[in-house]
Amino acid sequence: PGYNDGPIATAYFKNPADICAGTSGVFYIADGSNNCIRKIDTNLDWVS
């Protein structure tokens, strides 16, 4: 639990509730307790 963007290996989420797929290798997260919408780009290994 926490909040941190950046490389996948060091990213933090807090009560992520749902996930959906965007373009190839991209996923969007409803990060519930952070009150944010997050993005995982597996092509770049990056969370924003």
All heavy atoms as atom14 arrays in JSON, in Angstrom:
{
  "sequence": "PGYNDGPIATAYFKNPADICAGTSGVFYIADGSNNCIRKIDTNLDWVS",
  "atom14_mask": [
    [1, 1, 1, 1, 1, 1, 1, 0, 0, 0, 0, 0, 0, 0],
    [1, 1, 1, 1, 0, 0, 0, 0, 0, 0, 0, 0, 0, 0],
    [1, 1, 1, 1, 1, 1, 1, 1, 1, 1, 1, 1, 0, 0],
    [1, 1, 1, 1, 1, 1, 1, 1, 0, 0, 0, 0, 0, 0],
    [1, 1, 1, 1, 1, 1, 1, 1, 0, 0, 0, 0, 0, 0],
    [1, 1, 1, 1, 0, 0, 0, 0, 0, 0, 0, 0, 0, 0],
    [1, 1, 1, 1, 1, 1, 1, 0, 0, 0, 0, 0, 0, 0],
    [1, 1, 1, 1, 1, 1, 1, 1, 0, 0, 0, 0, 0, 0],
    [1, 1, 1, 1, 1, 0, 0, 0, 0, 0, 0, 0, 0, 0],
    [1, 1, 1, 1, 1, 1, 1, 0, 0, 0, 0, 0, 0, 0],
    [1, 1, 1, 1, 1, 0, 0, 0, 0, 0, 0, 0, 0, 0],
    [1, 1, 1, 1, 1, 1, 1, 1, 1, 1, 1, 1, 0, 0],
    [1, 1, 1, 1, 1, 1, 1, 1, 1, 1, 1, 0, 0, 0],
    [1, 1, 1, 1, 1, 1, 1, 1, 1, 0, 0, 0, 0, 0],
    [1, 1, 1, 1, 1, 1, 1, 1, 0, 0, 0, 0, 0, 0],
    [1, 1, 1, 1, 1, 1, 1, 0, 0, 0, 0, 0, 0, 0],
    [1, 1, 1, 1, 1, 0, 0, 0, 0, 0, 0, 0, 0, 0],
    [1, 1, 1, 1, 1, 1, 1, 1, 0, 0, 0, 0, 0, 0],
    [1, 1, 1, 1, 1, 1, 1, 1, 0, 0, 0, 0, 0, 0],
    [1, 1, 1, 1, 1, 1, 0, 0, 0, 0, 0, 0, 0, 0],
    [1, 1, 1, 1, 1, 0, 0, 0, 0, 0, 0, 0, 0, 0],
    [1, 1, 1, 1, 0, 0, 0, 0, 0, 0, 0, 0, 0, 0],
    [1, 1, 1, 1, 1, 1, 1, 0, 0, 0, 0, 0, 0, 0],
    [1, 1, 1, 1, 1, 1, 0, 0, 0, 0, 0, 0, 0, 0],
    [1, 1, 1, 1, 0, 0, 0, 0, 0, 0, 0, 0, 0, 0],
    [1, 1, 1, 1, 1, 1, 1, 0, 0, 0, 0, 0, 0, 0],
    [1, 1, 1, 1, 1, 1, 1, 1, 1, 1, 1, 0, 0, 0],
    [1, 1, 1, 1, 1, 1, 1, 1, 1, 1, 1, 1, 0, 0],
    [1, 1, 1, 1, 1, 1, 1, 1, 0, 0, 0, 0, 0, 0],
    [1, 1, 1, 1, 1, 0, 0, 0, 0, 0, 0, 0, 0, 0],
    [1, 1, 1, 1, 1, 1, 1, 1, 0, 0, 0, 0, 0, 0],
    [1, 1, 1, 1, 0, 0, 0, 0, 0, 0, 0, 0, 0, 0],
    [1, 1, 1, 1, 1, 1, 0, 0, 0, 0, 0, 0, 0, 0],
    [1, 1, 1, 1, 1, 1, 1, 1, 0, 0, 0, 0, 0, 0],
    [1, 1, 1, 1, 1, 1, 1, 1, 0, 0, 0, 0, 0, 0],
    [1, 1, 1, 1, 1, 1, 0, 0, 0, 0, 0, 0, 0, 0],
    [1, 1, 1, 1, 1, 1, 1, 1, 0, 0, 0, 0, 0, 0],
    [1, 1, 1, 1, 1, 1, 1, 1, 1, 1, 1, 0, 0, 0],
    [1, 1, 1, 1, 1, 1, 1, 1, 1, 0, 0, 0, 0, 0],
    [1, 1, 1, 1, 1, 1, 1, 1, 0, 0, 0, 0, 0, 0],
    [1, 1, 1, 1, 1, 1, 1, 1, 0, 0, 0, 0, 0, 0],
    [1, 1, 1, 1, 1, 1, 1, 0, 0, 0, 0, 0, 0, 0],
    [1, 1, 1, 1, 1, 1, 1, 1, 0, 0, 0, 0, 0, 0],
    [1, 1, 1, 1, 1, 1, 1, 1, 0, 0, 0, 0, 0, 0],
    [1, 1, 1, 1, 1, 1, 1, 1, 0, 0, 0, 0, 0, 0],
    [1, 1, 1, 1, 1, 1, 1, 1, 1, 1, 1, 1, 1, 1],
    [1, 1, 1, 1, 1, 1, 1, 0, 0, 0, 0, 0, 0, 0],
    [1, 1, 1, 1, 1, 1, 0, 0, 0, 0, 0, 0, 0, 0]
  ],
  "atom14_positions": [
    [[0.81, -1.22, 0.0], [0.0, 0.0, 0.0], [0.84, 1.27, 0.0], [1.83, 1.37, 0.73], [-0.81, -0.13, 1.3], [-0.05, -1.08, 2.15], [0.65, -2.01, 1.23], [0.0, 0.0, 0.0], [0.0, 0.0, 0.0], [0.0, 0.0, 0.0], [0.0, 0.0, 0.0], [0.0, 0.0, 0.0], [0.0, 0.0, 0.0], [0.0, 0.0, 0.0]],
    [[0.45, 2.21, -0.85], [1.14, 3.48, -0.93], [0.86, 4.13, -2.27], [-0.04, 3.72, -3.01], [0.0, 0.0, 0.0], [0.0, 0.0, 0.0], [0.0, 0.0, 0.0], [0.0, 0.0, 0.0], [0.0, 0.0, 0.0], [0.0, 0.0, 0.0], [0.0, 0.0, 0.0], [0.0, 0.0, 0.0], [0.0, 0.0, 0.0], [0.0, 0.0, 0.0]],
    [[1.61, 5.17, -2.57], [1.45, 5.85, -3.85], [2.81, 6.24, -4.38], [3.55, 7.01, -3.74], [0.57, 7.09, -3.72], [0.52, 7.9, -5.0], [-0.21, 7.45, -6.09], [1.2, 9.09, -5.11], [-0.25, 8.17, -7.27], [1.17, 9.83, -6.3], [0.45, 9.36, -7.36], [0.41, 10.08, -8.54], [0.0, 0.0, 0.0], [0.0, 0.0, 0.0]],
    [[3.16, 5.69, -5.54], [4.43, 6.04, -6.17], [4.37, 5.67, -7.63], [4.08, 4.53, -7.99], [5.59, 5.31, -5.49], [6.94, 5.8, -5.99], [7.17, 7.0, -6.1], [7.84, 4.88, -6.32], [0.0, 0.0, 0.0], [0.0, 0.0, 0.0], [0.0, 0.0, 0.0], [0.0, 0.0, 0.0], [0.0, 0.0, 0.0], [0.0, 0.0, 0.0]],
    [[4.59, 6.64, -8.52], [4.77, 6.39, -9.94], [6.22, 6.03, -10.21], [7.1, 6.17, -9.35], [4.38, 7.61, -10.76], [2.87, 7.81, -10.85], [2.12, 6.82, -10.7], [2.43, 8.96, -11.09], [0.0, 0.0, 0.0], [0.0, 0.0, 0.0], [0.0, 0.0, 0.0], [0.0, 0.0, 0.0], [0.0, 0.0, 0.0], [0.0, 0.0, 0.0]],
    [[6.48, 5.57, -11.47], [7.84, 5.26, -11.86], [7.96, 3.84, -12.37], [7.0, 3.25, -12.87], [0.0, 0.0, 0.0], [0.0, 0.0, 0.0], [0.0, 0.0, 0.0], [0.0, 0.0, 0.0], [0.0, 0.0, 0.0], [0.0, 0.0, 0.0], [0.0, 0.0, 0.0], [0.0, 0.0, 0.0], [0.0, 0.0, 0.0], [0.0, 0.0, 0.0]],
    [[9.15, 3.25, -12.28], [9.35, 1.88, -12.75], [8.39, 0.9, -12.08], [8.05, 1.04, -10.9], [10.8, 1.59, -12.35], [11.45, 2.93, -12.24], [10.39, 3.86, -11.75], [0.0, 0.0, 0.0], [0.0, 0.0, 0.0], [0.0, 0.0, 0.0], [0.0, 0.0, 0.0], [0.0, 0.0, 0.0], [0.0, 0.0, 0.0], [0.0, 0.0, 0.0]],
    [[7.94, -0.07, -12.85], [6.99, -1.06, -12.34], [7.47, -1.67, -11.03], [6.68, -1.88, -10.11], [6.75, -2.15, -13.4], [5.79, -1.63, -14.47], [6.19, -3.43, -12.77], [5.49, -2.62, -15.57], [0.0, 0.0, 0.0], [0.0, 0.0, 0.0], [0.0, 0.0, 0.0], [0.0, 0.0, 0.0], [0.0, 0.0, 0.0], [0.0, 0.0, 0.0]],
    [[8.76, -1.95, -10.94], [9.3, -2.64, -9.77], [9.19, -1.83, -8.49], [9.21, -2.39, -7.39], [10.76, -3.01, -10.02], [0.0, 0.0, 0.0], [0.0, 0.0, 0.0], [0.0, 0.0, 0.0], [0.0, 0.0, 0.0], [0.0, 0.0, 0.0], [0.0, 0.0, 0.0], [0.0, 0.0, 0.0], [0.0, 0.0, 0.0], [0.0, 0.0, 0.0]],
    [[9.08, -0.5, -8.59], [9.03, 0.34, -7.39], [7.72, 1.09, -7.24], [7.6, 1.93, -6.34], [10.2, 1.34, -7.4], [10.13, 2.16, -8.59], [11.53, 0.6, -7.38], [0.0, 0.0, 0.0], [0.0, 0.0, 0.0], [0.0, 0.0, 0.0], [0.0, 0.0, 0.0], [0.0, 0.0, 0.0], [0.0, 0.0, 0.0], [0.0, 0.0, 0.0]],
    [[6.74, 0.83, -8.1], [5.46, 1.52, -8.02], [4.62, 1.0, -6.86], [4.72, -0.16, -6.48], [4.69, 1.36, -9.33], [0.0, 0.0, 0.0], [0.0, 0.0, 0.0], [0.0, 0.0, 0.0], [0.0, 0.0, 0.0], [0.0, 0.0, 0.0], [0.0, 0.0, 0.0], [0.0, 0.0, 0.0], [0.0, 0.0, 0.0], [0.0, 0.0, 0.0]],
    [[3.78, 1.88, -6.31], [2.88, 1.52, -5.23], [1.44, 1.86, -5.61], [1.18, 2.86, -6.27], [3.23, 2.26, -3.94], [4.45, 1.74, -3.21], [5.73, 2.03, -3.67], [4.32, 0.96, -2.07], [6.85, 1.55, -2.99], [5.43, 0.49, -1.39], [6.69, 0.78, -1.86], [7.79, 0.3, -1.19], [0.0, 0.0, 0.0], [0.0, 0.0, 0.0]],
    [[0.52, 1.02, -5.16], [-0.91, 1.25, -5.28], [-1.53, 1.12, -3.9], [-0.94, 0.53, -2.98], [-1.56, 0.23, -6.22], [-0.99, 0.21, -7.61], [0.1, -0.59, -7.93], [-1.52, 0.99, -8.62], [0.65, -0.62, -9.2], [-0.99, 0.97, -9.9], [0.1, 0.16, -10.18], [0.0, 0.0, 0.0], [0.0, 0.0, 0.0], [0.0, 0.0, 0.0]],
    [[-2.75, 1.65, -3.76], [-3.46, 1.53, -2.49], [-4.91, 1.17, -2.77], [-5.68, 1.99, -3.26], [-3.36, 2.83, -1.69], [-3.82, 2.68, -0.24], [-3.56, 3.96, 0.55], [-3.93, 3.78, 2.02], [-3.69, 5.03, 2.8], [0.0, 0.0, 0.0], [0.0, 0.0, 0.0], [0.0, 0.0, 0.0], [0.0, 0.0, 0.0], [0.0, 0.0, 0.0]],
    [[-5.23, -0.06, -2.49], [-6.56, -0.61, -2.75], [-6.98, -0.45, -4.21], [-8.06, 0.1, -4.5], [-7.61, 0.01, -1.82], [-7.35, -0.3, -0.37], [-6.76, -1.32, -0.04], [-7.78, 0.58, 0.52], [0.0, 0.0, 0.0], [0.0, 0.0, 0.0], [0.0, 0.0, 0.0], [0.0, 0.0, 0.0], [0.0, 0.0, 0.0], [0.0, 0.0, 0.0]],
    [[-6.16, -0.92, -5.16], [-6.59, -0.86, -6.57], [-7.81, -1.74, -6.77], [-7.83, -2.9, -6.37], [-5.37, -1.39, -7.32], [-4.67, -2.29, -6.34], [-4.88, -1.66, -5.0], [0.0, 0.0, 0.0], [0.0, 0.0, 0.0], [0.0, 0.0, 0.0], [0.0, 0.0, 0.0], [0.0, 0.0, 0.0], [0.0, 0.0, 0.0], [0.0, 0.0, 0.0]],
    [[-8.87, -1.17, -7.37], [-10.16, -1.85, -7.41], [-10.45, -2.55, -8.72], [-11.1, -3.59, -8.73], [-11.28, -0.86, -7.1], [0.0, 0.0, 0.0], [0.0, 0.0, 0.0], [0.0, 0.0, 0.0], [0.0, 0.0, 0.0], [0.0, 0.0, 0.0], [0.0, 0.0, 0.0], [0.0, 0.0, 0.0], [0.0, 0.0, 0.0], [0.0, 0.0, 0.0]],
    [[-9.99, -1.97, -9.84], [-10.36, -2.54, -11.13], [-9.27, -2.23, -12.14], [-8.45, -1.31, -11.95], [-11.71, -2.0, -11.6], [-12.35, -2.85, -12.7], [-11.91, -4.01, -12.88], [-13.28, -2.38, -13.36], [0.0, 0.0, 0.0], [0.0, 0.0, 0.0], [0.0, 0.0, 0.0], [0.0, 0.0, 0.0], [0.0, 0.0, 0.0], [0.0, 0.0, 0.0]],
    [[-9.28, -2.98, -13.24], [-8.29, -2.84, -14.29], [-8.96, -3.05, -15.63], [-9.87, -3.87, -15.77], [-7.12, -3.84, -14.08], [-6.04, -3.68, -15.14], [-7.65, -5.27, -14.04], [-4.77, -4.47, -14.82], [0.0, 0.0, 0.0], [0.0, 0.0, 0.0], [0.0, 0.0, 0.0], [0.0, 0.0, 0.0], [0.0, 0.0, 0.0], [0.0, 0.0, 0.0]],
    [[-8.53, -2.3, -16.65], [-8.98, -2.53, -18.01], [-7.8, -2.36, -18.96], [-6.81, -1.69, -18.63], [-10.14, -1.62, -18.4], [-9.7, 0.12, -18.7], [0.0, 0.0, 0.0], [0.0, 0.0, 0.0], [0.0, 0.0, 0.0], [0.0, 0.0, 0.0], [0.0, 0.0, 0.0], [0.0, 0.0, 0.0], [0.0, 0.0, 0.0], [0.0, 0.0, 0.0]],
    [[-7.91, -2.96, -20.13], [-6.83, -2.93, -21.11], [-7.06, -1.82, -22.12], [-8.17, -1.63, -22.62], [-6.71, -4.27, -21.82], [0.0, 0.0, 0.0], [0.0, 0.0, 0.0], [0.0, 0.0, 0.0], [0.0, 0.0, 0.0], [0.0, 0.0, 0.0], [0.0, 0.0, 0.0], [0.0, 0.0, 0.0], [0.0, 0.0, 0.0], [0.0, 0.0, 0.0]],
    [[-6.0, -1.09, -22.43], [-6.03, -0.1, -23.48], [-5.36, -0.63, -24.73], [-5.63, -1.76, -25.17], [0.0, 0.0, 0.0], [0.0, 0.0, 0.0], [0.0, 0.0, 0.0], [0.0, 0.0, 0.0], [0.0, 0.0, 0.0], [0.0, 0.0, 0.0], [0.0, 0.0, 0.0], [0.0, 0.0, 0.0], [0.0, 0.0, 0.0], [0.0, 0.0, 0.0]],
    [[-4.47, 0.17, -25.33], [-3.7, -0.3, -26.47], [-2.72, -1.38, -26.02], [-2.57, -1.64, -24.83], [-2.94, 0.87, -27.11], [-2.12, 1.53, -26.11], [-3.91, 1.88, -27.71], [0.0, 0.0, 0.0], [0.0, 0.0, 0.0], [0.0, 0.0, 0.0], [0.0, 0.0, 0.0], [0.0, 0.0, 0.0], [0.0, 0.0, 0.0], [0.0, 0.0, 0.0]],
    [[-2.08, -2.02, -26.97], [-1.23, -3.17, -26.68], [-0.23, -2.89, -25.57], [0.59, -1.98, -25.65], [-0.49, -3.59, -27.95], [0.35, -4.72, -27.7], [0.0, 0.0, 0.0], [0.0, 0.0, 0.0], [0.0, 0.0, 0.0], [0.0, 0.0, 0.0], [0.0, 0.0, 0.0], [0.0, 0.0, 0.0], [0.0, 0.0, 0.0], [0.0, 0.0, 0.0]],
    [[-0.32, -3.7, -24.49], [0.61, -3.58, -23.39], [0.32, -2.48, -22.39], [1.11, -2.26, -21.47], [0.0, 0.0, 0.0], [0.0, 0.0, 0.0], [0.0, 0.0, 0.0], [0.0, 0.0, 0.0], [0.0, 0.0, 0.0], [0.0, 0.0, 0.0], [0.0, 0.0, 0.0], [0.0, 0.0, 0.0], [0.0, 0.0, 0.0], [0.0, 0.0, 0.0]],
    [[-0.82, -1.79, -22.54], [-1.18, -0.69, -21.64], [-2.43, -1.07, -20.85], [-3.4, -1.57, -21.41], [-1.42, 0.61, -22.43], [-1.95, 1.71, -21.51], [-0.14, 1.06, -23.1], [0.0, 0.0, 0.0], [0.0, 0.0, 0.0], [0.0, 0.0, 0.0], [0.0, 0.0, 0.0], [0.0, 0.0, 0.0], [0.0, 0.0, 0.0], [0.0, 0.0, 0.0]],
    [[-2.4, -0.8, -19.55], [-3.52, -1.1, -18.67], [-3.82, 0.11, -17.78], [-2.92, 0.85, -17.4], [-3.21, -2.32, -17.79], [-2.98, -3.58, -18.58], [-1.72, -3.89, -19.06], [-4.03, -4.42, -18.88], [-1.5, -5.04, -19.81], [-3.82, -5.57, -19.63], [-2.56, -5.87, -20.09], [0.0, 0.0, 0.0], [0.0, 0.0, 0.0], [0.0, 0.0, 0.0]],
    [[-5.11, 0.29, -17.47], [-5.55, 1.39, -16.63], [-6.13, 0.83, -15.34], [-6.88, -0.16, -15.35], [-6.59, 2.25, -17.36], [-6.02, 2.91, -18.6], [-6.18, 2.33, -19.85], [-5.32, 4.1, -18.51], [-5.65, 2.93, -20.99], [-4.79, 4.71, -19.64], [-4.95, 4.11, -20.87], [-4.43, 4.71, -21.99], [0.0, 0.0, 0.0], [0.0, 0.0, 0.0]],
    [[-5.79, 1.48, -14.23], [-6.16, 1.01, -12.9], [-6.99, 2.06, -12.18], [-6.61, 3.24, -12.14], [-4.91, 0.72, -12.03], [-3.87, -0.11, -12.8], [-5.31, 0.05, -10.72], [-4.3, -1.48, -13.15], [0.0, 0.0, 0.0], [0.0, 0.0, 0.0], [0.0, 0.0, 0.0], [0.0, 0.0, 0.0], [0.0, 0.0, 0.0], [0.0, 0.0, 0.0]],
    [[-8.13, 1.65, -11.63], [-8.87, 2.5, -10.7], [-8.25, 2.3, -9.32], [-8.54, 1.31, -8.64], [-10.35, 2.13, -10.7], [0.0, 0.0, 0.0], [0.0, 0.0, 0.0], [0.0, 0.0, 0.0], [0.0, 0.0, 0.0], [0.0, 0.0, 0.0], [0.0, 0.0, 0.0], [0.0, 0.0, 0.0], [0.0, 0.0, 0.0], [0.0, 0.0, 0.0]],
    [[-7.38, 3.21, -8.92], [-6.61, 3.09, -7.69], [-7.42, 3.72, -6.56], [-7.27, 4.89, -6.24], [-5.25, 3.76, -7.86], [-4.25, 3.39, -6.79], [-4.57, 2.54, -5.94], [-3.13, 3.93, -6.81], [0.0, 0.0, 0.0], [0.0, 0.0, 0.0], [0.0, 0.0, 0.0], [0.0, 0.0, 0.0], [0.0, 0.0, 0.0], [0.0, 0.0, 0.0]],
    [[-8.26, 2.9, -5.94], [-9.32, 3.37, -5.07], [-8.93, 4.31, -3.96], [-9.4, 5.45, -3.89], [0.0, 0.0, 0.0], [0.0, 0.0, 0.0], [0.0, 0.0, 0.0], [0.0, 0.0, 0.0], [0.0, 0.0, 0.0], [0.0, 0.0, 0.0], [0.0, 0.0, 0.0], [0.0, 0.0, 0.0], [0.0, 0.0, 0.0], [0.0, 0.0, 0.0]],
    [[-8.06, 3.88, -3.06], [-7.73, 4.71, -1.91], [-6.77, 5.84, -2.23], [-6.57, 6.73, -1.41], [-7.17, 3.84, -0.78], [-8.17, 2.98, -0.27], [0.0, 0.0, 0.0], [0.0, 0.0, 0.0], [0.0, 0.0, 0.0], [0.0, 0.0, 0.0], [0.0, 0.0, 0.0], [0.0, 0.0, 0.0], [0.0, 0.0, 0.0], [0.0, 0.0, 0.0]],
    [[-6.14, 5.81, -3.4], [-5.35, 6.95, -3.85], [-6.18, 7.95, -4.65], [-5.67, 8.99, -5.07], [-4.16, 6.48, -4.7], [-3.02, 5.94, -3.86], [-2.73, 6.43, -2.78], [-2.37, 4.89, -4.35], [0.0, 0.0, 0.0], [0.0, 0.0, 0.0], [0.0, 0.0, 0.0], [0.0, 0.0, 0.0], [0.0, 0.0, 0.0], [0.0, 0.0, 0.0]],
    [[-7.44, 7.6, -4.89], [-8.37, 8.49, -5.59], [-7.84, 8.94, -6.95], [-8.04, 10.09, -7.38], [-8.7, 9.71, -4.72], [-9.33, 9.32, -3.4], [-10.43, 8.79, -3.35], [-8.61, 9.56, -2.3], [0.0, 0.0, 0.0], [0.0, 0.0, 0.0], [0.0, 0.0, 0.0], [0.0, 0.0, 0.0], [0.0, 0.0, 0.0], [0.0, 0.0, 0.0]],
    [[-7.14, 8.02, -7.61], [-6.49, 8.32, -8.89], [-6.78, 7.23, -9.91], [-7.12, 6.09, -9.55], [-4.97, 8.42, -8.73], [-4.38, 9.76, -7.72], [0.0, 0.0, 0.0], [0.0, 0.0, 0.0], [0.0, 0.0, 0.0], [0.0, 0.0, 0.0], [0.0, 0.0, 0.0], [0.0, 0.0, 0.0], [0.0, 0.0, 0.0], [0.0, 0.0, 0.0]],
    [[-6.59, 7.58, -11.16], [-6.56, 6.61, -12.25], [-5.12, 6.47, -12.68], [-4.46, 7.45, -13.06], [-7.45, 7.05, -13.43], [-8.86, 7.37, -12.95], [-7.46, 5.98, -14.51], [-9.54, 6.25, -12.19], [0.0, 0.0, 0.0], [0.0, 0.0, 0.0], [0.0, 0.0, 0.0], [0.0, 0.0, 0.0], [0.0, 0.0, 0.0], [0.0, 0.0, 0.0]],
    [[-4.6, 5.26, -12.62], [-3.2, 4.99, -12.91], [-3.06, 4.22, -14.23], [-4.01, 3.58, -14.69], [-2.56, 4.17, -11.78], [-2.83, 4.69, -10.37], [-2.01, 5.89, -10.03], [-0.6, 5.6, -9.89], [-0.05, 5.0, -8.82], [-0.8, 4.61, -7.81], [1.25, 4.8, -8.75], [0.0, 0.0, 0.0], [0.0, 0.0, 0.0], [0.0, 0.0, 0.0]],
    [[-1.89, 4.27, -14.8], [-1.6, 3.61, -16.06], [-0.35, 2.76, -15.93], [0.66, 3.22, -15.4], [-1.42, 4.65, -17.17], [-0.95, 4.13, -18.52], [-0.75, 5.29, -19.49], [-0.11, 4.9, -20.76], [0.11, 6.05, -21.68], [0.0, 0.0, 0.0], [0.0, 0.0, 0.0], [0.0, 0.0, 0.0], [0.0, 0.0, 0.0], [0.0, 0.0, 0.0]],
    [[-0.41, 1.52, -16.4], [0.75, 0.64, -16.48], [1.09, 0.44, -17.95], [0.27, -0.07, -18.71], [0.5, -0.71, -15.81], [0.17, -0.55, -14.33], [1.71, -1.63, -15.98], [-0.18, -1.85, -13.64], [0.0, 0.0, 0.0], [0.0, 0.0, 0.0], [0.0, 0.0, 0.0], [0.0, 0.0, 0.0], [0.0, 0.0, 0.0], [0.0, 0.0, 0.0]],
    [[2.27, 0.84, -18.35], [2.75, 0.61, -19.71], [3.81, -0.49, -19.63], [4.94, -0.24, -19.22], [3.34, 1.89, -20.3], [3.62, 1.77, -21.8], [3.86, 0.64, -22.27], [3.6, 2.79, -22.51], [0.0, 0.0, 0.0], [0.0, 0.0, 0.0], [0.0, 0.0, 0.0], [0.0, 0.0, 0.0], [0.0, 0.0, 0.0], [0.0, 0.0, 0.0]],
    [[3.42, -1.7, -20.02], [4.35, -2.83, -19.93], [5.45, -2.75, -20.98], [6.47, -3.42, -20.84], [3.6, -4.17, -20.05], [2.98, -4.26, -21.34], [2.54, -4.3, -18.97], [0.0, 0.0, 0.0], [0.0, 0.0, 0.0], [0.0, 0.0, 0.0], [0.0, 0.0, 0.0], [0.0, 0.0, 0.0], [0.0, 0.0, 0.0], [0.0, 0.0, 0.0]],
    [[5.24, -1.95, -22.02], [6.28, -1.77, -23.03], [7.45, -0.97, -22.48], [8.59, -1.17, -22.88], [5.7, -1.07, -24.27], [4.5, -1.77, -24.84], [4.58, -2.9, -25.3], [3.33, -1.11, -24.8], [0.0, 0.0, 0.0], [0.0, 0.0, 0.0], [0.0, 0.0, 0.0], [0.0, 0.0, 0.0], [0.0, 0.0, 0.0], [0.0, 0.0, 0.0]],
    [[7.14, -0.05, -21.56], [8.16, 0.81, -20.95], [8.48, 0.4, -19.52], [9.36, 0.99, -18.9], [7.69, 2.27, -20.96], [7.35, 2.88, -22.33], [6.78, 4.28, -22.15], [8.59, 2.91, -23.22], [0.0, 0.0, 0.0], [0.0, 0.0, 0.0], [0.0, 0.0, 0.0], [0.0, 0.0, 0.0], [0.0, 0.0, 0.0], [0.0, 0.0, 0.0]],
    [[7.72, -0.6, -18.98], [7.86, -0.98, -17.57], [7.69, 0.22, -16.66], [8.48, 0.47, -15.76], [9.21, -1.66, -17.32], [9.31, -3.04, -17.94], [8.26, -3.66, -18.17], [10.43, -3.49, -18.21], [0.0, 0.0, 0.0], [0.0, 0.0, 0.0], [0.0, 0.0, 0.0], [0.0, 0.0, 0.0], [0.0, 0.0, 0.0], [0.0, 0.0, 0.0]],
    [[6.61, 0.97, -16.88], [6.44, 2.25, -16.2], [4.99, 2.43, -15.72], [4.05, 2.07, -16.42], [6.8, 3.39, -17.15], [7.06, 4.7, -16.46], [6.19, 5.73, -16.3], [8.29, 5.11, -15.87], [6.79, 6.77, -15.64], [8.08, 6.42, -15.34], [9.54, 4.52, -15.7], [9.08, 7.13, -14.69], [10.52, 5.21, -15.04], [10.3, 6.51, -14.56]],
    [[4.84, 3.01, -14.54], [3.54, 3.34, -13.96], [3.43, 4.86, -13.86], [4.36, 5.53, -13.41], [3.35, 2.7, -12.57], [2.03, 3.15, -11.94], [3.41, 1.18, -12.67], [0.0, 0.0, 0.0], [0.0, 0.0, 0.0], [0.0, 0.0, 0.0], [0.0, 0.0, 0.0], [0.0, 0.0, 0.0], [0.0, 0.0, 0.0], [0.0, 0.0, 0.0]],
    [[2.28, 5.4, -14.28], [2.06, 6.84, -14.2], [0.62, 7.11, -13.77], [-0.22, 6.22, -13.77], [2.34, 7.5, -15.56], [1.52, 6.95, -16.58], [0.0, 0.0, 0.0], [0.0, 0.0, 0.0], [0.0, 0.0, 0.0], [0.0, 0.0, 0.0], [0.0, 0.0, 0.0], [0.0, 0.0, 0.0], [0.0, 0.0, 0.0], [0.0, 0.0, 0.0]]
  ]
}
